[in-house]
């Protein structure tokens, strides 16, 4: 008795192969993010290094860690805000700054909110220095983290 082998058209085999391979690739690497290489953490002491002040608040860079990805390079780390007043307060936040990128339309700085769940501040560009307030402090954070230029823009 001859063995019956179904004769599938060549296009059906190609379609099956193309639709099943991406599923296998996704199962191996669940992340859609490109790989990121990280360097050594640079710490600026227990109190950090002052990069901005507005009379009420002082902003300190605590750490920075270089990273390189497919389309850009930058730093991530922590900074602290110390608010003066009757009851002084401190808040520590995470940041990510892209210092060099081959892409256009990206945001050069993102500050994470409490718990790192969402962006609490996004700096749209670094082409001009904002006059006052939190935008100026974030602009100065960009320059302190990327170029280690502290106090130049106060």
C-alpha atoms as a PDB file:
ATOM      1  CA  UNK A   1       0.000   0.000   0.000  1.00  0.00           C
ATOM      2  CA  UNK A   2       1.521   3.298  -1.004  1.00  0.00           C
ATOM      3  CA  UNK A   3       2.107   6.000   1.651  1.00  0.00           C
ATOM      4  CA  UNK A   4      -0.202   8.949   1.141  1.00  0.00           C
ATOM      5  CA  UNK A   5       1.610  12.264   1.617  1.00  0.00           C
ATOM      6  CA  UNK A   6      -0.503  15.358   1.229  1.00  0.00           C
ATOM      7  CA  UNK A   7       0.788  17.723  -1.428  1.00  0.00           C
ATOM      8  CA  UNK A   8       0.669  21.208  -0.037  1.00  0.00           C
ATOM      9  CA  UNK A   9       1.270  24.078  -2.361  1.00  0.00           C
ATOM     10  CA  UNK A  10       4.661  25.715  -1.820  1.00  0.00           C
ATOM     11  CA  UNK A  11       3.048  29.024  -0.812  1.00  0.00           C
ATOM     12  CA  UNK A  12       1.171  27.324   2.066  1.00  0.00           C
ATOM     13  CA  UNK A  13       4.429  25.957   3.467  1.00  0.00           C
ATOM     14  CA  UNK A  14       6.078  29.383   3.248  1.00  0.00           C
ATOM     15  CA  UNK A  15       3.103  31.081   4.938  1.00  0.00           C
ATOM     16  CA  UNK A  16       3.134  28.484   7.727  1.00  0.00           C
ATOM     17  CA  UNK A  17       6.877  28.942   8.266  1.00  0.00           C
ATOM     18  CA  UNK A  18       6.653  32.743   8.310  1.00  0.00           C
ATOM     19  CA  UNK A  19       3.735  32.852  10.723  1.00  0.00           C
ATOM     20  CA  UNK A  20       5.178  30.333  13.177  1.00  0.00           C
ATOM     21  CA  UNK A  21       8.740  31.698  13.403  1.00  0.00           C
ATOM     22  CA  UNK A  22       7.887  35.120  14.921  1.00  0.00           C
ATOM     23  CA  UNK A  23       5.927  33.360  17.677  1.00  0.00           C
ATOM     24  CA  UNK A  24       8.974  31.274  18.537  1.00  0.00           C
ATOM     25  CA  UNK A  25      11.208  34.373  18.522  1.00  0.00           C
ATOM     26  CA  UNK A  26       8.785  36.232  20.783  1.00  0.00           C
ATOM     27  CA  UNK A  27       8.694  33.349  23.243  1.00  0.00           C
ATOM     28  CA  UNK A  28      12.483  33.430  23.605  1.00  0.00           C
ATOM     29  CA  UNK A  29      12.693  37.230  24.060  1.00  0.00           C
ATOM     30  CA  UNK A  30       9.511  38.625  25.574  1.00  0.00           C
ATOM     31  CA  UNK A  31      10.861  42.199  25.501  1.00  0.00           C
ATOM     32  CA  UNK A  32      10.432  44.373  22.433  1.00  0.00           C
ATOM     33  CA  UNK A  33      13.129  46.724  23.748  1.00  0.00           C
ATOM     34  CA  UNK A  34      16.563  46.719  22.115  1.00  0.00           C
ATOM     35  CA  UNK A  35      19.421  45.429  24.275  1.00  0.00           C
ATOM     36  CA  UNK A  36      20.998  48.024  26.582  1.00  0.00           C
ATOM     37  CA  UNK A  37      24.585  47.893  27.768  1.00  0.00           C
ATOM     38  CA  UNK A  38      25.279  49.571  31.114  1.00  0.00           C
ATOM     39  CA  UNK A  39      28.546  50.877  32.499  1.00  0.00           C
ATOM     40  CA  UNK A  40      29.862  51.487  35.999  1.00  0.00           C
ATOM     41  CA  UNK A  41      27.829  53.615  38.442  1.00  0.00           C
ATOM     42  CA  UNK A  42      29.440  56.939  39.344  1.00  0.00           C
ATOM     43  CA  UNK A  43      28.286  58.213  42.760  1.00  0.00           C
ATOM     44  CA  UNK A  44      28.605  61.813  43.953  1.00  0.00           C
ATOM     45  CA  UNK A  45      28.786  61.104  47.683  1.00  0.00           C
ATOM     46  CA  UNK A  46      26.106  60.709  50.313  1.00  0.00           C
ATOM     47  CA  UNK A  47      24.776  64.238  49.837  1.00  0.00           C
ATOM     48  CA  UNK A  48      25.316  64.453  46.070  1.00  0.00           C
ATOM     49  CA  UNK A  49      26.556  67.351  43.973  1.00  0.00           C
ATOM     50  CA  UNK A  50      24.534  70.570  43.680  1.00  0.00           C
ATOM     51  CA  UNK A  51      23.393  71.306  40.131  1.00  0.00           C
ATOM     52  CA  UNK A  52      20.592  73.865  40.646  1.00  0.00           C
ATOM     53  CA  UNK A  53      18.985  76.059  43.280  1.00  0.00           C
ATOM     54  CA  UNK A  54      16.036  78.439  43.085  1.00  0.00           C
ATOM     55  CA  UNK A  55      16.040  79.900  46.608  1.00  0.00           C
ATOM     56  CA  UNK A  56      13.453  77.454  47.962  1.00  0.00           C
ATOM     57  CA  UNK A  57      14.813  74.168  46.647  1.00  0.00           C
ATOM     58  CA  UNK A  58      18.235  72.732  45.977  1.00  0.00           C
ATOM     59  CA  UNK A  59      18.836  69.941  43.468  1.00  0.00           C
ATOM     60  CA  UNK A  60      21.637  67.386  43.919  1.00  0.00           C
ATOM     61  CA  UNK A  61      22.905  64.772  41.485  1.00  0.00           C
ATOM     62  CA  UNK A  62      23.433  61.547  43.454  1.00  0.00           C
ATOM     63  CA  UNK A  63      24.554  59.117  40.754  1.00  0.00           C
ATOM     64  CA  UNK A  64      24.837  58.446  37.065  1.00  0.00           C
ATOM     65  CA  UNK A  65      25.356  55.228  35.129  1.00  0.00           C
ATOM     66  CA  UNK A  66      26.182  55.271  31.421  1.00  0.00           C
ATOM     67  CA  UNK A  67      24.134  53.192  29.017  1.00  0.00           C
ATOM     68  CA  UNK A  68      24.283  52.503  25.301  1.00  0.00           C
ATOM     69  CA  UNK A  69      21.413  51.196  23.205  1.00  0.00           C
ATOM     70  CA  UNK A  70      20.810  50.643  19.523  1.00  0.00           C
ATOM     71  CA  UNK A  71      19.950  54.270  18.690  1.00  0.00           C
ATOM     72  CA  UNK A  72      21.548  56.328  21.432  1.00  0.00           C
ATOM     73  CA  UNK A  73      23.581  56.718  24.580  1.00  0.00           C
ATOM     74  CA  UNK A  74      23.072  58.486  27.865  1.00  0.00           C
ATOM     75  CA  UNK A  75      22.923  58.143  31.623  1.00  0.00           C
ATOM     76  CA  UNK A  76      20.456  56.987  34.242  1.00  0.00           C
ATOM     77  CA  UNK A  77      20.601  57.511  37.972  1.00  0.00           C
ATOM     78  CA  UNK A  78      19.148  59.365  40.935  1.00  0.00           C
ATOM     79  CA  UNK A  79      18.858  62.974  42.045  1.00  0.00           C
ATOM     80  CA  UNK A  80      17.541  64.578  45.237  1.00  0.00           C
ATOM     81  CA  UNK A  81      15.450  67.693  45.781  1.00  0.00           C
ATOM     82  CA  UNK A  82      15.802  69.371  49.190  1.00  0.00           C
ATOM     83  CA  UNK A  83      13.077  71.929  49.877  1.00  0.00           C
ATOM     84  CA  UNK A  84      13.740  74.607  52.513  1.00  0.00           C
ATOM     85  CA  UNK A  85      11.059  75.930  54.828  1.00  0.00           C
ATOM     86  CA  UNK A  86       9.493  75.416  58.242  1.00  0.00           C
ATOM     87  CA  UNK A  87       9.550  71.667  57.644  1.00  0.00           C
ATOM     88  CA  UNK A  88      12.382  70.813  55.242  1.00  0.00           C
ATOM     89  CA  UNK A  89      11.570  67.978  52.863  1.00  0.00           C
ATOM     90  CA  UNK A  90      13.626  65.670  50.683  1.00  0.00           C
ATOM     91  CA  UNK A  91      12.561  63.724  47.631  1.00  0.00           C
ATOM     92  CA  UNK A  92      14.694  61.318  45.617  1.00  0.00           C
ATOM     93  CA  UNK A  93      13.807  60.554  41.998  1.00  0.00           C
ATOM     94  CA  UNK A  94      15.174  58.428  39.181  1.00  0.00           C
ATOM     95  CA  UNK A  95      16.065  59.960  35.836  1.00  0.00           C
ATOM     96  CA  UNK A  96      17.097  58.846  32.377  1.00  0.00           C
ATOM     97  CA  UNK A  97      18.843  61.260  30.039  1.00  0.00           C
ATOM     98  CA  UNK A  98      19.713  60.619  26.397  1.00  0.00           C
ATOM     99  CA  UNK A  99      22.841  62.589  25.582  1.00  0.00           C
ATOM    100  CA  UNK A 100      23.376  61.409  22.013  1.00  0.00           C
ATOM    101  CA  UNK A 101      20.914  59.777  19.637  1.00  0.00           C
ATOM    102  CA  UNK A 102      20.592  58.983  15.948  1.00  0.00           C
ATOM    103  CA  UNK A 103      16.813  59.382  16.176  1.00  0.00           C
ATOM    104  CA  UNK A 104      14.849  62.610  15.966  1.00  0.00           C
ATOM    105  CA  UNK A 105      11.805  63.503  18.018  1.00  0.00           C
ATOM    106  CA  UNK A 106      12.942  61.820  21.230  1.00  0.00           C
ATOM    107  CA  UNK A 107      12.729  63.396  24.697  1.00  0.00           C
ATOM    108  CA  UNK A 108      16.231  63.980  26.087  1.00  0.00           C
ATOM    109  CA  UNK A 109      15.206  63.675  29.772  1.00  0.00           C
ATOM    110  CA  UNK A 110      12.628  61.642  31.677  1.00  0.00           C
ATOM    111  CA  UNK A 111      12.139  61.774  35.427  1.00  0.00           C
ATOM    112  CA  UNK A 112      10.302  58.886  37.048  1.00  0.00           C
ATOM    113  CA  UNK A 113       7.549  59.505  39.550  1.00  0.00           C
ATOM    114  CA  UNK A 114       7.253  57.823  42.948  1.00  0.00           C
ATOM    115  CA  UNK A 115       7.862  54.099  42.640  1.00  0.00           C
ATOM    116  CA  UNK A 116       9.133  54.513  39.061  1.00  0.00           C
ATOM    117  CA  UNK A 117       5.696  53.718  37.651  1.00  0.00           C
ATOM    118  CA  UNK A 118       5.288  56.724  35.383  1.00  0.00           C
ATOM    119  CA  UNK A 119       7.097  59.756  34.043  1.00  0.00           C
ATOM    120  CA  UNK A 120       6.544  62.749  36.315  1.00  0.00           C
ATOM    121  CA  UNK A 121       8.501  65.126  34.083  1.00  0.00           C
ATOM    122  CA  UNK A 122       9.669  65.008  30.468  1.00  0.00           C
ATOM    123  CA  UNK A 123      12.059  67.658  29.113  1.00  0.00           C
ATOM    124  CA  UNK A 124      10.988  68.311  25.512  1.00  0.00           C
ATOM    125  CA  UNK A 125      14.341  69.651  24.245  1.00  0.00           C
ATOM    126  CA  UNK A 126      17.618  71.233  25.327  1.00  0.00           C
ATOM    127  CA  UNK A 127      17.952  73.855  22.599  1.00  0.00           C
ATOM    128  CA  UNK A 128      17.290  76.779  24.987  1.00  0.00           C
ATOM    129  CA  UNK A 129      17.527  77.346  28.734  1.00  0.00           C
ATOM    130  CA  UNK A 130      14.212  77.863  30.545  1.00  0.00           C
ATOM    131  CA  UNK A 131      14.117  80.996  32.708  1.00  0.00           C
ATOM    132  CA  UNK A 132      12.965  79.651  36.074  1.00  0.00           C
ATOM    133  CA  UNK A 133      11.290  76.868  37.978  1.00  0.00           C
ATOM    134  CA  UNK A 134      11.342  73.118  37.614  1.00  0.00           C
ATOM    135  CA  UNK A 135      11.996  73.250  33.865  1.00  0.00           C
ATOM    136  CA  UNK A 136      15.269  75.106  34.502  1.00  0.00           C
ATOM    137  CA  UNK A 137      16.285  72.547  37.137  1.00  0.00           C
ATOM    138  CA  UNK A 138      15.607  69.677  34.728  1.00  0.00           C
ATOM    139  CA  UNK A 139      17.592  71.472  32.013  1.00  0.00           C
ATOM    140  CA  UNK A 140      20.489  71.746  34.492  1.00  0.00           C
ATOM    141  CA  UNK A 141      20.077  68.055  35.392  1.00  0.00           C
ATOM    142  CA  UNK A 142      20.516  67.225  31.706  1.00  0.00           C
ATOM    143  CA  UNK A 143      23.807  69.171  31.524  1.00  0.00           C
ATOM    144  CA  UNK A 144      25.086  67.857  34.868  1.00  0.00           C
ATOM    145  CA  UNK A 145      24.376  64.226  33.954  1.00  0.00           C
ATOM    146  CA  UNK A 146      25.510  64.358  30.314  1.00  0.00           C
ATOM    147  CA  UNK A 147      28.482  66.710  30.451  1.00  0.00           C
ATOM    148  CA  UNK A 148      29.277  67.045  34.182  1.00  0.00           C
ATOM    149  CA  UNK A 149      28.686  70.797  33.885  1.00  0.00           C
ATOM    150  CA  UNK A 150      27.527  71.829  37.355  1.00  0.00           C
ATOM    151  CA  UNK A 151      26.392  75.386  38.042  1.00  0.00           C
ATOM    152  CA  UNK A 152      27.099  76.707  34.573  1.00  0.00           C
ATOM    153  CA  UNK A 153      23.438  77.431  33.930  1.00  0.00           C
ATOM    154  CA  UNK A 154      22.268  78.724  37.341  1.00  0.00           C
END
